[in-house]
Each structure stands twice: as C-alpha cells, then as structure tokens.
Amino acid sequence: MVKKVSLLIQTASLLTMLIMLFLNIEFYSLLSVYCFLVIWCIDKVVLFSLNEEFGIASQLKIKADAPPALRIAGLGFVFVILVFSLKALFKHVAI
C-alpha cells in the first residue's frame, strides 16, 4: 500500500513538472523537480524503516534481507540526495 501511494505521488509530481515545462513556467517546473526528489528520498527512508526492499536506481534494488551494511550504504546515498535537493529547494524558494 505504501508503495502504491508513493508511486502515485511521485507520478503526479513528474506530470506537474512536464506540464509546467510545456507551458514555459520554469520557476514552478524546477520547484516540482526538487519536490519530486524530496518525495523520492522520503519514500526510500520509509521503505527502509519498514524493512522493505527499495530501489535507488533503475537497476539497483536493495532487498529486505540484504546485509545491514549494504542497506545503510543505500540509505546514505539517499540521504546525500535528500540534503542536496532540500538545499536546492530552499535556495530556489528563497529567491
């Protein structure tokens, strides 16, 4: 259920970005990209905390029974993306 809701939210965010890009509204399209990245990262953290498998790339999924060090490394990668996307989001909104 969590995966379905998350996929729906991420898809809506990407569709919003595409619509804004086609309408030439660059401020809001870039804003939706940053929001998508934040939502994507939060989704991975929730899946990690529920001990579910989570994918961090198109061909890389970290299974639920993977070694803890590998799961923490994947979460670290997600955390780095979260920090950069939040920093960019706040900088973009502060303009």
PDB file of N, CA and C in Angstrom:
ATOM      1  N   MET A   1       0.814  -1.192   0.000  1.00  0.00           N
ATOM      2  CA  MET A   1       0.000   0.000   0.000  1.00  0.00           C
ATOM      3  C   MET A   1       0.862   1.262   0.000  1.00  0.00           C
ATOM      4  N   VAL A   2       1.940   1.253   0.792  1.00  0.00           N
ATOM      5  CA  VAL A   2       2.835   2.402   0.858  1.00  0.00           C
ATOM      6  C   VAL A   2       3.466   2.651  -0.502  1.00  0.00           C
ATOM      7  N   LYS A   3       3.848   1.575  -1.189  1.00  0.00           N
ATOM      8  CA  LYS A   3       4.485   1.720  -2.494  1.00  0.00           C
ATOM      9  C   LYS A   3       3.524   2.300  -3.523  1.00  0.00           C
ATOM     10  N   LYS A   4       2.254   1.910  -3.468  1.00  0.00           N
ATOM     11  CA  LYS A   4       1.275   2.422  -4.427  1.00  0.00           C
ATOM     12  C   LYS A   4       1.022   3.911  -4.223  1.00  0.00           C
ATOM     13  N   VAL A   5       0.862   4.327  -2.976  1.00  0.00           N
ATOM     14  CA  VAL A   5       0.635   5.742  -2.682  1.00  0.00           C
ATOM     15  C   VAL A   5       1.854   6.564  -3.072  1.00  0.00           C
ATOM     16  N   SER A   6       3.029   6.068  -2.756  1.00  0.00           N
ATOM     17  CA  SER A   6       4.257   6.769  -3.104  1.00  0.00           C
ATOM     18  C   SER A   6       4.415   6.898  -4.615  1.00  0.00           C
ATOM     19  N   LEU A   7       4.129   5.840  -5.332  1.00  0.00           N
ATOM     20  CA  LEU A   7       4.222   5.890  -6.791  1.00  0.00           C
ATOM     21  C   LEU A   7       3.235   6.898  -7.365  1.00  0.00           C
ATOM     22  N   LEU A   8       2.050   6.959  -6.815  1.00  0.00           N
ATOM     23  CA  LEU A   8       1.048   7.915  -7.270  1.00  0.00           C
ATOM     24  C   LEU A   8       1.508   9.355  -7.039  1.00  0.00           C
ATOM     25  N   ILE A   9       2.068   9.633  -5.876  1.00  0.00           N
ATOM     26  CA  ILE A   9       2.547  10.975  -5.561  1.00  0.00           C
ATOM     27  C   ILE A   9       3.725  11.356  -6.450  1.00  0.00           C
ATOM     28  N   GLN A  10       4.653  10.429  -6.651  1.00  0.00           N
ATOM     29  CA  GLN A  10       5.807  10.717  -7.499  1.00  0.00           C
ATOM     30  C   GLN A  10       5.396  10.932  -8.945  1.00  0.00           C
ATOM     31  N   THR A  11       4.451  10.155  -9.424  1.00  0.00           N
ATOM     32  CA  THR A  11       3.965  10.318 -10.796  1.00  0.00           C
ATOM     33  C   THR A  11       3.275  11.676 -10.960  1.00  0.00           C
ATOM     34  N   ALA A  12       2.479  12.068  -9.979  1.00  0.00           N
ATOM     35  CA  ALA A  12       1.817  13.372 -10.039  1.00  0.00           C
ATOM     36  C   ALA A  12       2.837  14.501 -10.046  1.00  0.00           C
ATOM     37  N   SER A  13       3.897  14.355  -9.283  1.00  0.00           N
ATOM     38  CA  SER A  13       4.951  15.369  -9.252  1.00  0.00           C
ATOM     39  C   SER A  13       5.653  15.472 -10.598  1.00  0.00           C
ATOM     40  N   LEU A  14       5.947  14.336 -11.211  1.00  0.00           N
ATOM     41  CA  LEU A  14       6.601  14.369 -12.526  1.00  0.00           C
ATOM     42  C   LEU A  14       5.681  14.918 -13.611  1.00  0.00           C
ATOM     43  N   LEU A  15       4.403  14.578 -13.560  1.00  0.00           N
ATOM     44  CA  LEU A  15       3.461  15.125 -14.537  1.00  0.00           C
ATOM     45  C   LEU A  15       3.320  16.637 -14.370  1.00  0.00           C
ATOM     46  N   THR A  16       3.315  17.103 -13.143  1.00  0.00           N
ATOM     47  CA  THR A  16       3.274  18.546 -12.893  1.00  0.00           C
ATOM     48  C   THR A  16       4.494  19.225 -13.494  1.00  0.00           C
ATOM     49  N   MET A  17       5.659  18.610 -13.323  1.00  0.00           N
ATOM     50  CA  MET A  17       6.884  19.160 -13.891  1.00  0.00           C
ATOM     51  C   MET A  17       6.783  19.249 -15.411  1.00  0.00           C
ATOM     52  N   LEU A  18       6.313  18.188 -16.046  1.00  0.00           N
ATOM     53  CA  LEU A  18       6.214  18.191 -17.504  1.00  0.00           C
ATOM     54  C   LEU A  18       5.221  19.234 -18.004  1.00  0.00           C
ATOM     55  N   ILE A  19       4.099  19.366 -17.329  1.00  0.00           N
ATOM     56  CA  ILE A  19       3.110  20.364 -17.733  1.00  0.00           C
ATOM     57  C   ILE A  19       3.692  21.769 -17.599  1.00  0.00           C
ATOM     58  N   MET A  20       4.390  22.022 -16.508  1.00  0.00           N
ATOM     59  CA  MET A  20       4.998  23.340 -16.310  1.00  0.00           C
ATOM     60  C   MET A  20       6.077  23.615 -17.356  1.00  0.00           C
ATOM     61  N   LEU A  21       6.833  22.578 -17.722  1.00  0.00           N
ATOM     62  CA  LEU A  21       7.852  22.772 -18.754  1.00  0.00           C
ATOM     63  C   LEU A  21       7.224  23.086 -20.105  1.00  0.00           C
ATOM     64  N   PHE A  22       6.141  22.392 -20.461  1.00  0.00           N
ATOM     65  CA  PHE A  22       5.472  22.647 -21.730  1.00  0.00           C
ATOM     66  C   PHE A  22       4.819  24.029 -21.758  1.00  0.00           C
ATOM     67  N   LEU A  23       4.396  24.524 -20.594  1.00  0.00           N
ATOM     68  CA  LEU A  23       3.780  25.849 -20.520  1.00  0.00           C
ATOM     69  C   LEU A  23       4.813  26.959 -20.329  1.00  0.00           C
ATOM     70  N   ASN A  24       6.083  26.588 -20.295  1.00  0.00           N
ATOM     71  CA  ASN A  24       7.191  27.535 -20.176  1.00  0.00           C
ATOM     72  C   ASN A  24       7.180  28.284 -18.848  1.00  0.00           C
ATOM     73  N   ILE A  25       6.786  27.630 -17.797  1.00  0.00           N
ATOM     74  CA  ILE A  25       6.800  28.208 -16.458  1.00  0.00           C
ATOM     75  C   ILE A  25       7.966  27.554 -15.726  1.00  0.00           C
ATOM     76  N   GLU A  26       9.147  28.100 -15.904  1.00  0.00           N
ATOM     77  CA  GLU A  26      10.363  27.431 -15.443  1.00  0.00           C
ATOM     78  C   GLU A  26      10.498  27.416 -13.925  1.00  0.00           C
ATOM     79  N   PHE A  27      10.053  28.458 -13.257  1.00  0.00           N
ATOM     80  CA  PHE A  27      10.197  28.507 -11.799  1.00  0.00           C
ATOM     81  C   PHE A  27       9.480  27.336 -11.138  1.00  0.00           C
ATOM     82  N   TYR A  28       8.257  27.104 -11.544  1.00  0.00           N
ATOM     83  CA  TYR A  28       7.466  26.047 -10.909  1.00  0.00           C
ATOM     84  C   TYR A  28       7.878  24.656 -11.386  1.00  0.00           C
ATOM     85  N   SER A  29       8.358  24.544 -12.601  1.00  0.00           N
ATOM     86  CA  SER A  29       8.795  23.226 -13.055  1.00  0.00           C
ATOM     87  C   SER A  29      10.041  22.785 -12.298  1.00  0.00           C
ATOM     88  N   LEU A  30      10.963  23.704 -12.073  1.00  0.00           N
ATOM     89  CA  LEU A  30      12.152  23.372 -11.292  1.00  0.00           C
ATOM     90  C   LEU A  30      11.773  23.092  -9.839  1.00  0.00           C
ATOM     91  N   LEU A  31      10.799  23.813  -9.342  1.00  0.00           N
ATOM     92  CA  LEU A  31      10.298  23.572  -7.995  1.00  0.00           C
ATOM     93  C   LEU A  31       9.708  22.171  -7.875  1.00  0.00           C
ATOM     94  N   SER A  32       8.985  21.727  -8.892  1.00  0.00           N
ATOM     95  CA  SER A  32       8.402  20.383  -8.844  1.00  0.00           C
ATOM     96  C   SER A  32       9.478  19.301  -8.951  1.00  0.00           C
ATOM     97  N   VAL A  33      10.576  19.592  -9.633  1.00  0.00           N
ATOM     98  CA  VAL A  33      11.684  18.633  -9.679  1.00  0.00           C
ATOM     99  C   VAL A  33      12.281  18.460  -8.283  1.00  0.00           C
ATOM    100  N   TYR A  34      12.512  19.566  -7.597  1.00  0.00           N
ATOM    101  CA  TYR A  34      13.056  19.478  -6.238  1.00  0.00           C
ATOM    102  C   TYR A  34      12.082  18.773  -5.304  1.00  0.00           C
ATOM    103  N   CYS A  35      10.808  19.068  -5.435  1.00  0.00           N
ATOM    104  CA  CYS A  35       9.806  18.388  -4.604  1.00  0.00           C
ATOM    105  C   CYS A  35       9.781  16.891  -4.904  1.00  0.00           C
ATOM    106  N   PHE A  36       9.911  16.534  -6.182  1.00  0.00           N
ATOM    107  CA  PHE A  36       9.961  15.116  -6.542  1.00  0.00           C
ATOM    108  C   PHE A  36      11.145  14.430  -5.874  1.00  0.00           C
ATOM    109  N   LEU A  37      12.302  15.062  -5.902  1.00  0.00           N
ATOM    110  CA  LEU A  37      13.481  14.446  -5.282  1.00  0.00           C
ATOM    111  C   LEU A  37      13.297  14.274  -3.778  1.00  0.00           C
ATOM    112  N   VAL A  38      12.700  15.252  -3.128  1.00  0.00           N
ATOM    113  CA  VAL A  38      12.464  15.137  -1.689  1.00  0.00           C
ATOM    114  C   VAL A  38      11.471  14.010  -1.408  1.00  0.00           C
ATOM    115  N   ILE A  39      10.397  13.945  -2.184  1.00  0.00           N
ATOM    116  CA  ILE A  39       9.406  12.877  -2.005  1.00  0.00           C
ATOM    117  C   ILE A  39      10.035  11.513  -2.272  1.00  0.00           C
ATOM    118  N   TRP A  40      10.867  11.430  -3.288  1.00  0.00           N
ATOM    119  CA  TRP A  40      11.551  10.181  -3.619  1.00  0.00           C
ATOM    120  C   TRP A  40      12.420   9.723  -2.449  1.00  0.00           C
ATOM    121  N   CYS A  41      13.153  10.646  -1.861  1.00  0.00           N
ATOM    122  CA  CYS A  41      14.031  10.302  -0.739  1.00  0.00           C
ATOM    123  C   CYS A  41      13.225   9.883   0.491  1.00  0.00           C
ATOM    124  N   ILE A  42      12.152  10.603   0.773  1.00  0.00           N
ATOM    125  CA  ILE A  42      11.326  10.244   1.928  1.00  0.00           C
ATOM    126  C   ILE A  42      10.723   8.854   1.732  1.00  0.00           C
ATOM    127  N   ASP A  43      10.341   8.550   0.497  1.00  0.00           N
ATOM    128  CA  ASP A  43       9.817   7.218   0.192  1.00  0.00           C
ATOM    129  C   ASP A  43      10.854   6.139   0.503  1.00  0.00           C
ATOM    130  N   LYS A  44      12.082   6.362   0.131  1.00  0.00           N
ATOM    131  CA  LYS A  44      13.132   5.363   0.384  1.00  0.00           C
ATOM    132  C   LYS A  44      13.394   5.209   1.880  1.00  0.00           C
ATOM    133  N   VAL A  45      13.338   6.300   2.628  1.00  0.00           N
ATOM    134  CA  VAL A  45      13.545   6.220   4.076  1.00  0.00           C
ATOM    135  C   VAL A  45      12.407   5.441   4.733  1.00  0.00           C
ATOM    136  N   VAL A  46      11.175   5.681   4.287  1.00  0.00           N
ATOM    137  CA  VAL A  46      10.032   4.948   4.843  1.00  0.00           C
ATOM    138  C   VAL A  46      10.146   3.460   4.521  1.00  0.00           C
ATOM    139  N   LEU A  47      10.504   3.134   3.280  1.00  0.00           N
ATOM    140  CA  LEU A  47      10.663   1.723   2.916  1.00  0.00           C
ATOM    141  C   LEU A  47      11.785   1.075   3.717  1.00  0.00           C
ATOM    142  N   PHE A  48      12.865   1.818   3.965  1.00  0.00           N
ATOM    143  CA  PHE A  48      13.957   1.295   4.780  1.00  0.00           C
ATOM    144  C   PHE A  48      13.482   1.023   6.198  1.00  0.00           C
ATOM    145  N   SER A  49      12.717   1.967   6.762  1.00  0.00           N
ATOM    146  CA  SER A  49      12.274   1.804   8.147  1.00  0.00           C
ATOM    147  C   SER A  49      11.244   0.674   8.291  1.00  0.00           C
ATOM    148  N   LEU A  50      10.496   0.381   7.233  1.00  0.00           N
ATOM    149  CA  LEU A  50       9.539  -0.724   7.259  1.00  0.00           C
ATOM    150  C   LEU A  50      10.183  -2.060   6.895  1.00  0.00           C
ATOM    151  N   ASN A  51      11.510  -2.040   6.677  1.00  0.00           N
ATOM    152  CA  ASN A  51      12.288  -3.223   6.310  1.00  0.00           C
ATOM    153  C   ASN A  51      11.782  -3.850   5.008  1.00  0.00           C
ATOM    154  N   GLU A  52      11.459  -3.004   4.045  1.00  0.00           N
ATOM    155  CA  GLU A  52      11.044  -3.439   2.715  1.00  0.00           C
ATOM    156  C   GLU A  52      12.228  -3.280   1.763  1.00  0.00           C
ATOM    157  N   GLU A  53      12.111  -3.868   0.582  1.00  0.00           N
ATOM    158  CA  GLU A  53      13.150  -3.630  -0.423  1.00  0.00           C
ATOM    159  C   GLU A  53      12.904  -2.257  -1.037  1.00  0.00           C
ATOM    160  N   PHE A  54      13.999  -1.585  -1.385  1.00  0.00           N
ATOM    161  CA  PHE A  54      13.865  -0.282  -2.014  1.00  0.00           C
ATOM    162  C   PHE A  54      14.911  -0.142  -3.105  1.00  0.00           C
ATOM    163  N   GLY A  55      14.511   0.502  -4.186  1.00  0.00           N
ATOM    164  CA  GLY A  55      15.409   0.700  -5.309  1.00  0.00           C
ATOM    165  C   GLY A  55      15.957   2.105  -5.305  1.00  0.00           C
ATOM    166  N   ILE A  56      17.265   2.221  -5.526  1.00  0.00           N
ATOM    167  CA  ILE A  56      17.864   3.552  -5.567  1.00  0.00           C
ATOM    168  C   ILE A  56      18.330   3.913  -6.970  1.00  0.00           C
ATOM    169  N   ALA A  57      18.164   3.003  -7.888  1.00  0.00           N
ATOM    170  CA  ALA A  57      18.460   3.267  -9.292  1.00  0.00           C
ATOM    171  C   ALA A  57      17.591   2.320 -10.117  1.00  0.00           C
ATOM    172  N   SER A  58      17.585   2.523 -11.407  1.00  0.00           N
ATOM    173  CA  SER A  58      16.696   1.714 -12.235  1.00  0.00           C
ATOM    174  C   SER A  58      17.052   0.229 -12.204  1.00  0.00           C
ATOM    175  N   GLN A  59      18.305  -0.089 -12.005  1.00  0.00           N
ATOM    176  CA  GLN A  59      18.709  -1.497 -11.997  1.00  0.00           C
ATOM    177  C   GLN A  59      19.312  -1.928 -10.663  1.00  0.00           C
ATOM    178  N   LEU A  60      19.079  -1.163  -9.619  1.00  0.00           N
ATOM    179  CA  LEU A  60      19.665  -1.482  -8.319  1.00  0.00           C
ATOM    180  C   LEU A  60      18.597  -1.443  -7.247  1.00  0.00           C
ATOM    181  N   LYS A  61      18.232  -2.622  -6.766  1.00  0.00           N
ATOM    182  CA  LYS A  61      17.281  -2.742  -5.662  1.00  0.00           C
ATOM    183  C   LYS A  61      18.001  -3.354  -4.485  1.00  0.00           C
ATOM    184  N   ILE A  62      17.736  -2.811  -3.321  1.00  0.00           N
ATOM    185  CA  ILE A  62      18.312  -3.351  -2.102  1.00  0.00           C
ATOM    186  C   ILE A  62      17.225  -4.175  -1.433  1.00  0.00           C
ATOM    187  N   LYS A  63      17.458  -5.456  -1.373  1.00  0.00           N
ATOM    188  CA  LYS A  63      16.464  -6.394  -0.843  1.00  0.00           C
ATOM    189  C   LYS A  63      16.299  -6.220   0.674  1.00  0.00           C
ATOM    190  N   ALA A  64      15.182  -6.705   1.165  1.00  0.00           N
ATOM    191  CA  ALA A  64      14.899  -6.618   2.601  1.00  0.00           C
ATOM    192  C   ALA A  64      15.855  -7.484   3.411  1.00  0.00           C
ATOM    193  N   ASP A  65      16.343  -8.586   2.818  1.00  0.00           N
ATOM    194  CA  ASP A  65      17.243  -9.474   3.549  1.00  0.00           C
ATOM    195  C   ASP A  65      18.717  -9.215   3.220  1.00  0.00           C
ATOM    196  N   ALA A  66      19.015  -8.053   2.645  1.00  0.00           N
ATOM    197  CA  ALA A  66      20.399  -7.694   2.341  1.00  0.00           C
ATOM    198  C   ALA A  66      21.159  -7.440   3.641  1.00  0.00           C
ATOM    199  N   PRO A  67      22.478  -7.551   3.597  1.00  0.00           N
ATOM    200  CA  PRO A  67      23.264  -7.270   4.805  1.00  0.00           C
ATOM    201  C   PRO A  67      23.014  -5.834   5.297  1.00  0.00           C
ATOM    202  N   PRO A  68      23.029  -5.647   6.594  1.00  0.00           N
ATOM    203  CA  PRO A  68      22.742  -4.319   7.137  1.00  0.00           C
ATOM    204  C   PRO A  68      23.686  -3.226   6.618  1.00  0.00           C
ATOM    205  N   ALA A  69      24.933  -3.557   6.387  1.00  0.00           N
ATOM    206  CA  ALA A  69      25.879  -2.559   5.890  1.00  0.00           C
ATOM    207  C   ALA A  69      25.475  -2.069   4.499  1.00  0.00           C
ATOM    208  N   LEU A  70      24.987  -2.968   3.673  1.00  0.00           N
ATOM    209  CA  LEU A  70      24.545  -2.592   2.336  1.00  0.00           C
ATOM    210  C   LEU A  70      23.290  -1.721   2.391  1.00  0.00           C
ATOM    211  N   ARG A  71      22.382  -2.078   3.283  1.00  0.00           N
ATOM    212  CA  ARG A  71      21.163  -1.267   3.434  1.00  0.00           C
ATOM    213  C   ARG A  71      21.495   0.126   3.953  1.00  0.00           C
ATOM    214  N   ILE A  72      22.422   0.225   4.887  1.00  0.00           N
ATOM    215  CA  ILE A  72      22.838   1.526   5.416  1.00  0.00           C
ATOM    216  C   ILE A  72      23.553   2.340   4.336  1.00  0.00           C
ATOM    217  N   ALA A  73      24.355   1.683   3.503  1.00  0.00           N
ATOM    218  CA  ALA A  73      25.035   2.384   2.417  1.00  0.00           C
ATOM    219  C   ALA A  73      24.015   2.951   1.424  1.00  0.00           C
ATOM    220  N   GLY A  74      22.990   2.176   1.109  1.00  0.00           N
ATOM    221  CA  GLY A  74      21.927   2.666   0.227  1.00  0.00           C
ATOM    222  C   GLY A  74      21.183   3.831   0.839  1.00  0.00           C
ATOM    223  N   LEU A  75      20.923   3.752   2.131  1.00  0.00           N
ATOM    224  CA  LEU A  75      20.261   4.849   2.821  1.00  0.00           C
ATOM    225  C   LEU A  75      21.160   6.081   2.867  1.00  0.00           C
ATOM    226  N   GLY A  76      22.451   5.878   2.991  1.00  0.00           N
ATOM    227  CA  GLY A  76      23.400   7.002   2.953  1.00  0.00           C
ATOM    228  C   GLY A  76      23.363   7.718   1.616  1.00  0.00           C
ATOM    229  N   PHE A  77      23.283   6.956   0.529  1.00  0.00           N
ATOM    230  CA  PHE A  77      23.169   7.545  -0.808  1.00  0.00           C
ATOM    231  C   PHE A  77      21.899   8.378  -0.917  1.00  0.00           C
ATOM    232  N   VAL A  78      20.804   7.837  -0.406  1.00  0.00           N
ATOM    233  CA  VAL A  78      19.524   8.559  -0.419  1.00  0.00           C
ATOM    234  C   VAL A  78      19.628   9.822   0.428  1.00  0.00           C
ATOM    235  N   PHE A  79      20.320   9.737   1.562  1.00  0.00           N
ATOM    236  CA  PHE A  79      20.467  10.895   2.434  1.00  0.00           C
ATOM    237  C   PHE A  79      21.248  12.012   1.750  1.00  0.00           C
ATOM    238  N   VAL A  80      22.295  11.666   1.006  1.00  0.00           N
ATOM    239  CA  VAL A  80      23.069  12.680   0.278  1.00  0.00           C
ATOM    240  C   VAL A  80      22.185  13.395  -0.748  1.00  0.00           C
ATOM    241  N   ILE A  81      21.379  12.649  -1.476  1.00  0.00           N
ATOM    242  CA  ILE A  81      20.470  13.256  -2.451  1.00  0.00           C
ATOM    243  C   ILE A  81      19.433  14.124  -1.743  1.00  0.00           C
ATOM    244  N   LEU A  82      18.959  13.671  -0.593  1.00  0.00           N
ATOM    245  CA  LEU A  82      17.983  14.446   0.174  1.00  0.00           C
ATOM    246  C   LEU A  82      18.567  15.779   0.622  1.00  0.00           C
ATOM    247  N   VAL A  83      19.788  15.768   1.112  1.00  0.00           N
ATOM    248  CA  VAL A  83      20.422  17.009   1.580  1.00  0.00           C
ATOM    249  C   VAL A  83      20.593  17.989   0.416  1.00  0.00           C
ATOM    250  N   PHE A  84      21.096  17.512  -0.719  1.00  0.00           N
ATOM    251  CA  PHE A  84      21.292  18.404  -1.860  1.00  0.00           C
ATOM    252  C   PHE A  84      19.969  18.928  -2.415  1.00  0.00           C
ATOM    253  N   SER A  85      18.954  18.076  -2.460  1.00  0.00           N
ATOM    254  CA  SER A  85      17.673  18.523  -3.006  1.00  0.00           C
ATOM    255  C   SER A  85      16.969  19.492  -2.056  1.00  0.00           C
ATOM    256  N   LEU A  86      17.066  19.270  -0.740  1.00  0.00           N
ATOM    257  CA  LEU A  86      16.490  20.217   0.211  1.00  0.00           C
ATOM    258  C   LEU A  86      17.211  21.561   0.165  1.00  0.00           C
ATOM    259  N   LYS A  87      18.525  21.518   0.035  1.00  0.00           N
ATOM    260  CA  LYS A  87      19.299  22.756  -0.071  1.00  0.00           C
ATOM    261  C   LYS A  87      18.894  23.530  -1.319  1.00  0.00           C
ATOM    262  N   ALA A  88      18.767  22.843  -2.448  1.00  0.00           N
ATOM    263  CA  ALA A  88      18.365  23.493  -3.683  1.00  0.00           C
ATOM    264  C   ALA A  88      16.915  23.987  -3.619  1.00  0.00           C
ATOM    265  N   LEU A  89      16.051  23.220  -2.977  1.00  0.00           N
ATOM    266  CA  LEU A  89      14.655  23.617  -2.822  1.00  0.00           C
ATOM    267  C   LEU A  89      14.546  24.903  -1.999  1.00  0.00           C
ATOM    268  N   PHE A  90      15.216  24.955  -0.878  1.00  0.00           N
ATOM    269  CA  PHE A  90      15.158  26.153  -0.039  1.00  0.00           C
ATOM    270  C   PHE A  90      15.793  27.357  -0.734  1.00  0.00           C
ATOM    271  N   LYS A  91      16.861  27.125  -1.459  1.00  0.00           N
ATOM    272  CA  LYS A  91      17.505  28.224  -2.196  1.00  0.00           C
ATOM    273  C   LYS A  91      16.587  28.718  -3.312  1.00  0.00           C
ATOM    274  N   HIS A  92      15.900  27.817  -3.965  1.00  0.00           N
ATOM    275  CA  HIS A  92      15.005  28.181  -5.064  1.00  0.00           C
ATOM    276  C   HIS A  92      13.780  28.944  -4.549  1.00  0.00           C
ATOM    277  N   VAL A  93      13.260  28.558  -3.423  1.00  0.00           N
ATOM    278  CA  VAL A  93      12.079  29.218  -2.855  1.00  0.00           C
ATOM    279  C   VAL A  93      12.448  30.580  -2.269  1.00  0.00           C
ATOM    280  N   ALA A  94      13.671  30.721  -1.800  1.00  0.00           N
ATOM    281  CA  ALA A  94      14.100  31.981  -1.170  1.00  0.00           C
ATOM    282  C   ALA A  94      14.333  33.103  -2.173  1.00  0.00           C
ATOM    283  N   ILE A  95      14.296  32.815  -3.452  1.00  0.00           N
ATOM    284  CA  ILE A  95      14.560  33.838  -4.483  1.00  0.00           C
ATOM    285  C   ILE A  95      13.518  34.917  -4.450  1.00  0.00           C
TER     286      ILE A  95
END
